[in-house]
N, C-alpha and C. Protein backbone atom coordinates (compact mmCIF):
# COMPACT_ATOMS: atom_id res chain seq x y z
N MET A 1 85.52 76.51 28.54
CA MET A 1 84.07 77.07 27.94
C MET A 1 83.88 78.27 28.79
N ASN A 2 83.58 79.30 28.29
CA ASN A 2 83.05 80.35 28.90
C ASN A 2 81.58 80.22 29.44
N GLU A 3 81.12 80.63 30.65
CA GLU A 3 79.70 80.59 30.99
C GLU A 3 78.70 81.43 30.33
N SER A 4 79.33 82.18 29.23
CA SER A 4 78.70 82.98 28.51
C SER A 4 77.88 82.13 27.40
N GLU A 5 79.06 81.30 27.01
CA GLU A 5 78.93 80.50 25.85
C GLU A 5 77.53 79.40 25.70
N ASN A 6 77.65 79.07 27.25
CA ASN A 6 76.56 78.10 27.46
C ASN A 6 75.02 78.81 27.64
N GLN A 7 74.87 79.92 27.94
CA GLN A 7 73.73 80.47 27.90
C GLN A 7 73.01 80.60 26.79
N LEU A 8 71.44 80.49 26.76
CA LEU A 8 70.72 80.38 25.73
C LEU A 8 70.44 81.84 25.58
N PRO A 9 70.30 82.10 24.09
CA PRO A 9 70.03 83.25 23.67
C PRO A 9 68.60 84.05 24.32
N ALA A 10 68.43 85.18 24.76
CA ALA A 10 67.31 85.55 25.31
C ALA A 10 66.20 85.54 24.30
N ALA A 11 64.85 85.22 24.42
CA ALA A 11 63.63 85.32 23.86
C ALA A 11 63.46 86.66 23.44
N PRO A 12 63.15 87.12 22.33
CA PRO A 12 62.45 88.46 21.84
C PRO A 12 61.25 88.67 22.60
N LEU A 13 61.17 89.96 22.98
CA LEU A 13 59.91 90.49 23.67
C LEU A 13 58.99 90.58 22.99
N PRO A 14 57.86 90.41 23.32
CA PRO A 14 56.67 90.30 22.57
C PRO A 14 55.99 91.70 22.05
N PRO A 15 55.60 92.00 21.06
CA PRO A 15 55.59 93.52 20.66
C PRO A 15 54.11 93.92 21.66
N VAL A 16 54.44 95.06 21.99
CA VAL A 16 53.50 95.65 22.96
C VAL A 16 52.58 96.54 22.08
N ALA A 17 51.72 96.69 22.30
CA ALA A 17 50.47 97.60 21.88
C ALA A 17 50.42 98.89 22.23
N PRO A 18 50.54 99.84 21.70
CA PRO A 18 50.37 101.39 22.12
C PRO A 18 49.40 101.46 23.30
N GLU A 19 49.54 102.22 24.34
CA GLU A 19 48.61 102.35 25.29
C GLU A 19 47.46 103.26 24.67
N GLU A 20 46.33 102.90 24.97
CA GLU A 20 45.11 103.76 24.58
C GLU A 20 44.94 104.67 25.56
N SER A 21 44.48 105.83 24.98
CA SER A 21 44.32 107.11 25.64
C SER A 21 42.91 106.76 26.31
N SER A 22 43.16 107.26 27.83
CA SER A 22 41.77 107.00 28.49
C SER A 22 40.80 107.81 28.09
N GLY A 23 39.60 107.14 28.58
CA GLY A 23 38.07 107.97 28.27
C GLY A 23 37.97 109.25 28.50
N ALA A 24 38.68 109.43 29.67
CA ALA A 24 38.32 110.56 30.37
C ALA A 24 39.00 111.81 29.84
N ALA A 25 40.43 111.81 29.36
CA ALA A 25 40.78 112.74 28.27
C ALA A 25 40.07 112.95 27.15
N LEU A 26 39.40 111.86 26.78
CA LEU A 26 38.45 112.19 25.28
C LEU A 26 37.32 113.16 25.74
N VAL A 27 36.61 112.75 27.03
CA VAL A 27 35.51 113.28 27.17
C VAL A 27 35.65 114.70 27.91
N SER A 28 36.96 114.86 28.81
CA SER A 28 36.71 116.13 29.64
C SER A 28 37.03 117.47 28.86
N ALA A 29 37.46 117.21 27.64
CA ALA A 29 37.86 118.50 26.71
C ALA A 29 36.65 119.00 26.24
N PRO A 30 35.60 118.42 25.65
CA PRO A 30 34.54 118.70 25.11
C PRO A 30 33.51 119.21 26.42
N ARG A 31 33.63 118.52 27.44
CA ARG A 31 32.84 118.86 28.68
C ARG A 31 33.48 120.37 29.06
N TYR A 32 34.51 120.56 29.25
CA TYR A 32 34.78 121.64 29.75
C TYR A 32 34.46 123.16 28.62
N GLU A 33 34.70 122.73 27.34
CA GLU A 33 34.13 123.41 26.37
C GLU A 33 32.66 123.99 26.44
N ALA A 34 31.98 122.81 26.79
CA ALA A 34 30.44 122.95 26.78
C ALA A 34 30.06 123.74 28.02
N LEU A 35 30.53 123.51 29.05
CA LEU A 35 30.49 124.32 30.36
C LEU A 35 31.26 125.66 30.22
N ALA A 36 31.86 126.07 29.65
CA ALA A 36 32.69 127.32 29.74
C ALA A 36 31.80 128.18 28.92
N ALA A 37 31.20 127.52 27.71
CA ALA A 37 30.25 128.35 26.92
C ALA A 37 28.97 128.79 27.46
N PRO A 38 29.04 130.57 27.53
CA PRO A 38 27.74 131.11 28.26
C PRO A 38 26.67 130.45 27.45
N PRO A 39 25.49 130.59 28.60
CA PRO A 39 24.24 130.25 28.08
C PRO A 39 23.70 130.77 27.47
N GLU A 40 22.64 130.74 26.41
CA GLU A 40 21.78 131.27 25.53
C GLU A 40 20.87 131.98 26.12
N PRO A 41 20.59 133.35 25.89
CA PRO A 41 19.69 133.89 26.75
C PRO A 41 18.34 133.78 26.22
N PRO A 42 17.25 133.39 26.89
CA PRO A 42 16.14 132.94 26.43
C PRO A 42 15.18 134.16 25.97
N ALA A 43 14.12 133.86 25.37
CA ALA A 43 13.70 134.82 24.47
C ALA A 43 12.68 135.58 25.48
N PRO A 44 12.92 136.75 25.26
CA PRO A 44 11.90 137.79 26.46
C PRO A 44 10.59 137.54 26.25
N LEU A 45 10.15 137.78 27.62
CA LEU A 45 8.53 137.68 27.60
C LEU A 45 7.83 138.84 27.66
N PRO A 46 6.58 138.79 27.07
CA PRO A 46 5.83 140.19 26.98
C PRO A 46 5.51 140.69 28.56
N ASN A 47 5.32 141.85 28.38
CA ASN A 47 5.14 142.57 29.33
C ASN A 47 3.46 142.46 29.85
N LEU A 48 3.35 142.36 31.50
CA LEU A 48 1.93 142.56 31.72
C LEU A 48 1.60 143.54 32.65
N GLU A 49 0.40 143.95 32.61
CA GLU A 49 -0.01 144.87 33.50
C GLU A 49 -1.45 144.75 33.91
N SER A 50 -1.61 145.12 35.12
CA SER A 50 -2.95 145.04 35.83
C SER A 50 -4.06 145.82 35.11
N LYS A 51 -5.31 145.66 35.39
CA LYS A 51 -6.29 146.40 34.85
C LYS A 51 -6.33 147.96 35.31
N ASP A 52 -5.93 147.90 36.63
CA ASP A 52 -5.98 149.35 37.15
C ASP A 52 -4.67 150.13 36.99
N GLY A 53 -3.58 149.43 36.52
CA GLY A 53 -2.17 149.76 36.00
C GLY A 53 -1.48 149.76 37.52
N ARG A 54 -1.75 149.25 38.39
CA ARG A 54 -1.30 149.36 39.75
C ARG A 54 0.15 148.31 39.81
N VAL A 55 0.28 147.68 38.77
CA VAL A 55 1.18 146.19 38.85
C VAL A 55 1.64 146.08 37.52
N VAL A 56 2.95 146.39 37.15
CA VAL A 56 3.49 145.97 35.65
C VAL A 56 4.78 145.31 36.03
N LEU A 57 4.51 144.08 35.19
CA LEU A 57 5.56 143.00 35.28
C LEU A 57 6.33 143.01 33.77
N THR A 58 7.64 143.10 34.03
CA THR A 58 8.62 143.09 32.78
C THR A 58 9.33 141.68 32.91
N ASP A 59 10.25 141.34 31.97
CA ASP A 59 10.98 140.56 31.90
C ASP A 59 12.09 140.27 33.16
N THR A 60 12.52 141.58 33.50
CA THR A 60 13.46 141.84 34.55
C THR A 60 12.95 142.57 35.76
N THR A 61 12.10 143.30 35.72
CA THR A 61 11.52 144.14 36.72
C THR A 61 10.07 144.08 37.03
N LEU A 62 9.72 144.27 38.51
CA LEU A 62 8.28 144.48 38.86
C LEU A 62 8.12 145.86 39.32
N THR A 63 7.29 146.57 39.01
CA THR A 63 6.54 147.93 39.61
C THR A 63 5.38 147.45 40.06
N VAL A 64 5.27 148.14 41.36
CA VAL A 64 3.87 148.04 42.19
C VAL A 64 3.83 149.27 42.89
N ARG A 65 2.77 150.03 42.26
CA ARG A 65 2.46 151.63 43.01
C ARG A 65 3.70 152.02 42.66
N LYS A 66 4.18 152.12 41.61
CA LYS A 66 5.42 153.18 41.00
C LYS A 66 6.43 152.58 41.91
N THR A 67 6.36 151.79 42.59
CA THR A 67 7.96 151.21 43.08
C THR A 67 8.56 150.06 42.09
N THR A 68 9.55 150.27 41.80
CA THR A 68 10.27 149.35 41.02
C THR A 68 11.08 148.39 41.77
N PHE A 69 11.18 147.05 41.05
CA PHE A 69 12.12 146.06 41.91
C PHE A 69 12.60 145.14 41.00
N LEU A 70 13.81 144.94 41.14
CA LEU A 70 14.24 144.11 40.16
C LEU A 70 13.96 142.65 40.29
N LEU A 71 13.59 141.61 39.53
CA LEU A 71 13.22 140.33 39.61
C LEU A 71 14.64 139.40 40.60
N ARG A 72 15.59 140.05 40.25
CA ARG A 72 16.76 139.06 40.65
C ARG A 72 17.04 139.48 42.09
N GLU A 73 16.21 140.78 42.79
CA GLU A 73 16.61 140.94 43.88
C GLU A 73 15.50 140.12 44.99
N LEU A 74 14.51 139.86 44.31
CA LEU A 74 13.34 139.18 45.04
C LEU A 74 13.50 137.41 45.10
N GLU A 75 12.87 137.14 45.98
CA GLU A 75 12.99 135.80 46.23
C GLU A 75 11.90 134.83 45.92
N ARG A 76 10.55 135.65 46.20
CA ARG A 76 9.17 134.97 45.71
C ARG A 76 8.36 136.18 46.21
N ALA A 77 6.92 135.97 45.59
CA ALA A 77 5.93 136.89 45.95
C ALA A 77 4.67 136.14 46.47
N GLU A 78 4.05 136.62 47.47
CA GLU A 78 2.85 135.84 48.29
C GLU A 78 1.59 136.85 48.11
N LEU A 79 0.51 136.25 47.75
CA LEU A 79 -0.73 137.07 47.94
C LEU A 79 -1.69 136.51 48.73
N THR A 80 -2.02 137.50 49.88
CA THR A 80 -3.08 137.03 50.82
C THR A 80 -4.45 137.67 51.07
N PRO A 81 -5.38 137.13 50.59
CA PRO A 81 -6.60 137.87 50.94
C PRO A 81 -6.93 138.31 52.60
N VAL A 82 -7.34 139.74 52.90
CA VAL A 82 -7.47 140.27 54.06
C VAL A 82 -8.83 140.74 54.13
N ARG A 83 -9.45 140.43 54.97
CA ARG A 83 -10.81 141.11 55.45
C ARG A 83 -10.64 142.26 56.18
N TRP A 84 -11.33 143.23 56.19
CA TRP A 84 -11.69 144.50 57.11
C TRP A 84 -12.25 144.02 58.29
N ILE A 85 -11.83 143.87 59.24
CA ILE A 85 -12.50 143.46 60.33
C ILE A 85 -13.43 144.45 60.93
N LEU A 86 -12.88 145.95 61.09
CA LEU A 86 -13.77 146.77 61.69
C LEU A 86 -14.92 146.85 60.75
N TRP A 87 -14.91 146.94 59.55
CA TRP A 87 -16.47 146.99 58.40
C TRP A 87 -17.01 145.85 58.66
N TYR A 88 -16.34 144.61 58.63
CA TYR A 88 -16.96 143.71 58.67
C TYR A 88 -17.89 143.39 60.11
N LEU A 89 -17.41 143.77 60.84
CA LEU A 89 -18.23 143.62 62.37
C LEU A 89 -19.23 144.85 62.38
N LEU A 90 -18.91 145.82 62.01
CA LEU A 90 -19.78 146.84 62.11
C LEU A 90 -20.99 146.63 60.95
N GLY A 91 -20.74 146.12 60.02
CA GLY A 91 -21.89 145.89 59.20
C GLY A 91 -22.79 144.57 59.55
N GLY A 92 -22.03 143.72 60.17
CA GLY A 92 -22.75 142.40 60.93
C GLY A 92 -23.76 142.78 62.24
N MET A 93 -22.98 143.77 62.82
CA MET A 93 -23.86 143.84 63.94
C MET A 93 -24.90 144.96 63.84
N GLY A 94 -24.60 145.65 62.72
CA GLY A 94 -25.66 146.70 62.54
C GLY A 94 -26.86 146.26 61.58
N LEU A 95 -26.59 145.02 60.93
CA LEU A 95 -27.59 144.52 60.05
C LEU A 95 -28.42 143.93 61.35
N ALA A 96 -27.87 142.92 62.39
CA ALA A 96 -28.71 142.44 63.03
C ALA A 96 -29.52 143.32 64.06
N SER A 97 -28.97 144.54 64.26
CA SER A 97 -29.70 145.46 65.10
C SER A 97 -30.86 146.02 64.50
N VAL A 98 -30.86 146.29 63.20
CA VAL A 98 -32.07 146.64 62.30
C VAL A 98 -32.91 145.61 62.40
N MET A 99 -32.33 144.49 62.14
CA MET A 99 -33.58 143.33 62.02
C MET A 99 -34.19 143.04 63.31
N ILE A 100 -33.74 143.35 64.43
CA ILE A 100 -34.06 143.05 65.71
C ILE A 100 -35.28 144.26 65.93
N ALA A 101 -34.70 145.28 65.52
CA ALA A 101 -35.67 146.53 65.70
C ALA A 101 -37.01 146.67 64.95
N PHE A 102 -36.55 145.99 63.65
CA PHE A 102 -37.90 145.78 62.89
C PHE A 102 -38.57 144.91 63.38
N LEU A 103 -37.96 143.66 63.99
CA LEU A 103 -38.93 142.81 64.33
C LEU A 103 -39.78 143.00 65.58
N GLN A 104 -39.18 143.99 66.38
CA GLN A 104 -40.06 144.55 67.66
C GLN A 104 -40.84 145.61 67.29
N ASN A 105 -40.84 145.86 66.08
CA ASN A 105 -41.69 147.00 65.77
C ASN A 105 -41.31 148.56 66.31
N TRP A 106 -40.07 148.54 66.37
CA TRP A 106 -39.55 149.70 66.76
C TRP A 106 -39.23 150.68 65.43
N LEU A 107 -39.04 150.14 64.24
CA LEU A 107 -38.61 150.82 63.04
C LEU A 107 -39.65 150.40 62.13
N ARG A 108 -40.32 151.56 61.40
CA ARG A 108 -41.07 151.03 60.40
C ARG A 108 -40.22 150.51 59.16
N THR A 109 -41.24 150.11 57.99
CA THR A 109 -40.58 149.13 57.19
C THR A 109 -39.74 150.12 56.31
N GLY A 110 -40.05 151.38 55.95
CA GLY A 110 -39.15 152.24 55.05
C GLY A 110 -37.77 152.44 55.85
N PRO A 111 -37.45 152.91 56.56
CA PRO A 111 -36.31 153.14 57.35
C PRO A 111 -35.60 151.65 57.83
N ALA A 112 -36.28 150.57 58.15
CA ALA A 112 -35.71 149.43 58.59
C ALA A 112 -35.24 149.03 56.97
N MET A 113 -35.74 149.00 55.94
CA MET A 113 -34.94 148.38 54.84
C MET A 113 -34.00 149.46 54.21
N LEU A 114 -34.06 150.61 54.61
CA LEU A 114 -32.84 151.57 54.27
C LEU A 114 -31.77 151.00 55.20
N GLY A 115 -31.89 150.90 56.51
CA GLY A 115 -30.73 150.58 57.57
C GLY A 115 -30.18 149.30 57.21
N MET A 116 -31.13 148.23 56.65
CA MET A 116 -30.54 146.82 56.21
C MET A 116 -29.80 146.96 55.10
N ALA A 117 -30.20 147.92 54.09
CA ALA A 117 -29.43 148.08 52.87
C ALA A 117 -27.97 148.69 53.01
N LEU A 118 -27.76 149.53 54.00
CA LEU A 118 -26.95 150.34 54.38
C LEU A 118 -25.58 149.32 55.02
N THR A 119 -26.16 148.56 56.08
CA THR A 119 -25.31 147.68 56.84
C THR A 119 -25.06 146.66 56.17
N ALA A 120 -25.89 146.29 55.05
CA ALA A 120 -25.57 145.08 54.34
C ALA A 120 -24.32 145.59 53.53
N LEU A 121 -24.15 146.54 52.78
CA LEU A 121 -22.97 146.87 52.23
C LEU A 121 -22.02 147.26 52.96
N LEU A 122 -22.05 147.49 54.42
CA LEU A 122 -20.97 147.62 55.23
C LEU A 122 -20.34 146.13 55.35
N LEU A 123 -21.28 145.37 55.07
CA LEU A 123 -20.97 143.86 55.66
C LEU A 123 -20.21 143.43 54.27
N ILE A 124 -20.59 143.51 53.44
CA ILE A 124 -19.98 143.01 52.00
C ILE A 124 -18.76 143.99 51.67
N TYR A 125 -18.79 145.22 52.07
CA TYR A 125 -17.27 145.89 52.05
C TYR A 125 -16.26 145.34 53.02
N GLY A 126 -16.59 145.01 54.12
CA GLY A 126 -15.29 144.42 54.73
C GLY A 126 -15.37 143.02 54.71
N HIS A 127 -16.27 142.17 54.18
CA HIS A 127 -15.95 140.72 53.77
C HIS A 127 -14.95 140.67 52.45
N ARG A 128 -15.42 141.90 51.68
CA ARG A 128 -14.30 141.89 50.64
C ARG A 128 -12.84 142.16 50.85
N GLY A 129 -12.86 142.86 51.65
CA GLY A 129 -11.40 143.61 52.30
C GLY A 129 -10.56 143.74 50.99
N THR A 130 -9.10 143.55 51.12
CA THR A 130 -8.38 143.79 50.19
C THR A 130 -7.47 142.47 49.83
N ASN A 131 -6.47 142.85 48.95
CA ASN A 131 -5.50 141.49 48.60
C ASN A 131 -3.99 142.19 49.15
N ARG A 132 -3.32 141.30 49.95
CA ARG A 132 -2.09 141.68 50.38
C ARG A 132 -0.88 141.15 49.70
N LEU A 133 -0.28 141.73 48.88
CA LEU A 133 0.91 141.32 47.91
C LEU A 133 2.04 141.70 48.90
N ARG A 134 2.68 140.56 49.39
CA ARG A 134 4.13 140.44 50.23
C ARG A 134 5.25 140.12 49.29
N LEU A 135 6.15 140.92 49.02
CA LEU A 135 7.58 140.51 48.29
C LEU A 135 8.52 140.20 49.50
N HIS A 136 9.39 139.28 49.26
CA HIS A 136 10.32 138.80 50.09
C HIS A 136 11.43 138.79 49.04
N ARG A 137 12.41 139.96 50.19
CA ARG A 137 13.42 140.23 48.93
C ARG A 137 14.74 139.54 49.68
N LEU A 138 15.83 139.35 49.03
CA LEU A 138 16.98 138.53 49.23
C LEU A 138 17.66 139.41 50.39
N GLY A 139 17.87 139.00 51.62
CA GLY A 139 18.61 139.60 52.58
C GLY A 139 18.18 141.14 53.28
N ARG A 140 17.04 141.24 52.76
CA ARG A 140 16.18 142.61 53.12
C ARG A 140 15.03 142.21 53.56
N GLU A 141 14.35 143.40 54.13
CA GLU A 141 12.92 143.33 54.79
C GLU A 141 12.22 143.02 53.39
N MET A 142 10.79 142.37 53.80
CA MET A 142 9.88 142.23 52.96
C MET A 142 9.16 143.35 52.75
N VAL A 143 8.28 143.52 51.75
CA VAL A 143 7.47 144.77 51.63
C VAL A 143 6.03 144.16 51.42
N ASN A 144 4.89 145.21 51.54
CA ASN A 144 3.70 144.56 51.71
C ASN A 144 2.79 145.66 50.73
N PHE A 145 2.18 145.30 50.27
CA PHE A 145 1.31 146.34 49.32
C PHE A 145 -0.19 145.89 49.37
N ALA A 146 -1.27 146.75 49.23
CA ALA A 146 -2.47 146.50 49.19
C ALA A 146 -3.17 146.61 47.95
N LEU A 147 -3.45 145.63 47.43
CA LEU A 147 -4.27 145.64 45.93
C LEU A 147 -5.77 145.44 46.00
N PRO A 148 -6.49 146.31 45.91
CA PRO A 148 -8.07 145.79 45.87
C PRO A 148 -8.44 145.22 44.62
N GLY A 149 -9.61 144.78 44.89
CA GLY A 149 -10.39 143.88 43.76
C GLY A 149 -10.42 142.59 43.84
N ASP A 150 -10.81 141.97 42.81
CA ASP A 150 -10.98 140.66 42.85
C ASP A 150 -9.79 139.89 43.10
N THR A 151 -9.73 138.81 43.79
CA THR A 151 -8.47 138.18 44.40
C THR A 151 -7.80 137.05 43.41
N ARG A 152 -9.04 136.73 41.99
CA ARG A 152 -8.53 135.44 41.33
C ARG A 152 -7.47 136.30 40.13
N PRO A 153 -7.48 137.58 39.81
CA PRO A 153 -6.68 138.15 38.81
C PRO A 153 -5.14 138.21 39.58
N TRP A 154 -5.40 138.80 40.86
CA TRP A 154 -4.26 138.91 41.34
C TRP A 154 -3.29 137.54 41.74
N GLN A 155 -4.07 136.70 42.22
CA GLN A 155 -3.54 135.29 42.11
C GLN A 155 -2.72 134.79 40.77
N ARG A 156 -3.38 135.02 39.68
CA ARG A 156 -2.93 134.57 38.65
C ARG A 156 -1.38 135.39 38.24
N LEU A 157 -1.76 136.77 38.44
CA LEU A 157 -0.66 137.72 38.22
C LEU A 157 0.62 137.24 39.08
N THR A 158 0.17 136.92 40.61
CA THR A 158 1.37 136.73 41.47
C THR A 158 1.92 135.42 41.06
N ALA A 159 1.17 134.07 40.43
CA ALA A 159 1.80 133.08 39.98
C ALA A 159 3.03 133.53 38.96
N GLU A 160 2.47 134.34 37.77
CA GLU A 160 3.57 134.71 36.96
C GLU A 160 4.57 135.37 37.45
N ILE A 161 4.65 136.24 38.27
CA ILE A 161 5.54 136.91 39.10
C ILE A 161 6.71 136.01 39.66
N ASN A 162 5.98 134.95 40.26
CA ASN A 162 7.14 134.15 41.02
C ASN A 162 7.67 133.02 39.83
N ARG A 163 7.12 132.75 38.56
CA ARG A 163 7.65 132.02 37.34
C ARG A 163 8.61 132.83 36.69
N ARG A 164 8.48 133.90 36.72
CA ARG A 164 9.59 134.88 36.30
C ARG A 164 10.84 135.33 36.99
N ILE A 165 10.57 135.28 38.48
CA ILE A 165 11.68 135.39 39.50
C ILE A 165 12.37 133.99 39.40
N PHE A 166 11.83 132.75 39.36
CA PHE A 166 12.50 131.47 39.28
C PHE A 166 13.40 131.42 37.84
N ARG A 167 12.91 131.91 36.82
CA ARG A 167 13.31 132.16 35.67
C ARG A 167 14.83 133.01 35.85
N VAL A 168 14.62 134.34 36.22
CA VAL A 168 15.71 135.08 36.58
C VAL A 168 16.77 134.30 37.06
N HIS A 169 16.46 133.96 38.38
CA HIS A 169 17.51 133.10 39.24
C HIS A 169 18.11 132.01 38.55
N ASP A 170 17.37 131.44 37.69
CA ASP A 170 18.01 129.94 37.22
C ASP A 170 18.87 130.42 35.89
N LEU A 171 18.89 131.35 35.16
CA LEU A 171 19.30 132.06 34.19
C LEU A 171 20.80 132.83 34.85
N ALA A 172 20.50 133.25 36.09
CA ALA A 172 21.76 133.93 37.03
C ALA A 172 22.75 132.61 37.16
N ALA A 173 22.17 131.58 37.69
CA ALA A 173 22.93 130.31 38.23
C ALA A 173 23.59 129.67 37.05
N ARG A 174 23.06 129.59 35.83
CA ARG A 174 23.71 129.04 34.89
C ARG A 174 24.74 129.82 34.69
N GLU A 175 24.69 131.32 34.36
CA GLU A 175 25.95 131.97 34.16
C GLU A 175 26.98 131.94 35.02
N ALA A 176 26.53 131.92 36.29
CA ALA A 176 27.79 132.01 37.20
C ALA A 176 28.47 130.33 36.95
N ALA A 177 27.68 129.19 36.71
CA ALA A 177 28.14 128.04 36.50
C ALA A 177 29.32 128.05 35.33
N ALA A 178 28.88 128.66 34.21
CA ALA A 178 29.62 128.86 33.06
C ALA A 178 30.65 129.53 33.34
N LEU A 179 30.81 130.61 33.87
CA LEU A 179 32.26 131.39 34.57
C LEU A 179 32.67 130.57 35.35
N LEU A 180 32.27 130.03 36.24
CA LEU A 180 33.16 129.16 36.77
C LEU A 180 34.20 127.91 36.20
N ALA A 181 33.10 127.30 35.32
CA ALA A 181 33.92 126.23 34.27
C ALA A 181 34.87 126.89 33.53
N ALA A 182 34.67 128.09 32.90
CA ALA A 182 35.73 128.85 32.25
C ALA A 182 36.98 129.23 32.97
N ALA A 183 36.79 129.38 34.35
CA ALA A 183 37.76 129.74 35.40
C ALA A 183 38.70 128.48 35.50
N ASP A 184 37.95 127.34 35.81
CA ASP A 184 38.41 125.98 35.89
C ASP A 184 39.35 125.53 34.56
N GLU A 185 38.73 125.68 33.44
CA GLU A 185 39.12 125.31 32.12
C GLU A 185 40.76 126.19 32.17
N ALA A 186 40.65 127.51 32.33
CA ALA A 186 41.73 128.37 32.11
C ALA A 186 43.00 127.75 32.98
N SER A 187 42.41 127.61 34.29
CA SER A 187 43.62 126.95 35.24
C SER A 187 44.20 125.67 34.94
N ARG A 188 43.04 124.90 34.44
CA ARG A 188 43.50 123.46 33.79
C ARG A 188 44.69 123.62 32.94
N GLN A 189 44.23 124.36 31.54
CA GLN A 189 45.23 124.72 30.66
C GLN A 189 46.71 125.46 31.25
N ALA A 190 46.67 126.45 31.87
CA ALA A 190 47.81 126.80 32.36
C ALA A 190 48.70 126.08 33.25
N ALA A 191 47.97 125.03 34.11
CA ALA A 191 48.78 123.95 34.29
C ALA A 191 49.34 122.94 33.70
N GLN A 192 48.53 122.47 32.46
CA GLN A 192 49.29 121.75 31.60
C GLN A 192 50.43 122.61 30.71
N ALA A 193 50.22 123.78 30.32
CA ALA A 193 51.20 124.40 29.58
C ALA A 193 52.57 124.19 30.90
N ALA A 194 52.25 124.48 31.80
CA ALA A 194 53.55 124.57 32.85
C ALA A 194 54.04 123.24 32.68
N ALA A 195 53.27 122.32 32.90
CA ALA A 195 53.88 120.80 32.85
C ALA A 195 54.48 120.55 31.26
N ASP A 196 53.98 120.88 30.33
CA ASP A 196 54.60 120.57 28.98
C ASP A 196 55.75 121.35 29.09
N ALA A 197 55.94 122.51 29.58
CA ALA A 197 57.22 123.30 29.55
C ALA A 197 58.06 122.82 30.29
N ALA A 198 57.96 122.42 31.66
CA ALA A 198 58.95 121.29 32.55
C ALA A 198 59.46 120.05 31.75
N ALA A 199 58.49 119.58 31.05
CA ALA A 199 58.82 118.47 30.40
C ALA A 199 59.78 118.46 29.06
N THR A 200 59.54 119.79 28.51
CA THR A 200 60.55 119.90 27.57
C THR A 200 62.05 120.46 27.88
N GLU A 201 62.10 120.88 29.07
CA GLU A 201 63.32 121.45 29.81
C GLU A 201 63.85 120.65 30.38
N GLU A 202 63.42 119.58 30.68
CA GLU A 202 63.98 118.47 31.50
C GLU A 202 64.99 117.83 30.83
N PRO A 203 64.98 117.29 29.57
CA PRO A 203 65.93 116.79 28.64
C PRO A 203 66.96 117.54 28.25
N ALA A 204 66.62 118.84 28.06
CA ALA A 204 68.07 119.78 27.76
C ALA A 204 68.86 119.77 28.98
C-alpha cells in the first residue's frame, strides 16, 4: 500500500470572518474633511469711538489720533495713568508756600485765597495727568499715545481693544490650521492614489 492511502484526509479549515476595517480609517476621513473646511467668519462687531474722537475701533483696525493700525499686526494694548510731576510739584510747593505766608501774616486774605486757588488748580492738574496708551506691535517697536481725560473710559476701551486683537489672532490661527489640514489631506490623497495605481499595475 502506498503511504498516501494510509494518510487521513485533511480537515476542512474553519470559515474565517472577513477582517473588520479599523476604526481609524472610519474616523480619519471625516476628521480631515472637518479640519480642511475653512472656519466660518464670526459676525462683525460694531465700531467703537471715544467721546473726543481720538480713538476709533473697528472689527479689524484701530485708529489713534488719525494713525491706523491693523489689529492683526498688534500684540496687545496697555493703558497706564501718568502724572505730570512738574505741575504736581509746582502746585504742591506753591500751595504750601502760600499757606505758610498767610499764616505768618505776610499776605492778606484776598491775595492768599487767590494764590491758594491757583496753586490748588496746578496741583489738581498735575495729579490728573494723562493716560498713556502703549501699543505692542508684532516684531516692531511699540507706539505710545497720550489720551487726556478720565482713566476709566479709556480702560474699558483698552480692554475691548485687547479682546478684538485676540479675536483676530484666533481667527487667523484657525484659518492657518484649516489650510494646513487641507494640504495634509491633499498629500494623503495623492499618496493613496499612487499606491492604488501601483497595486493595479503590479498584477499586470
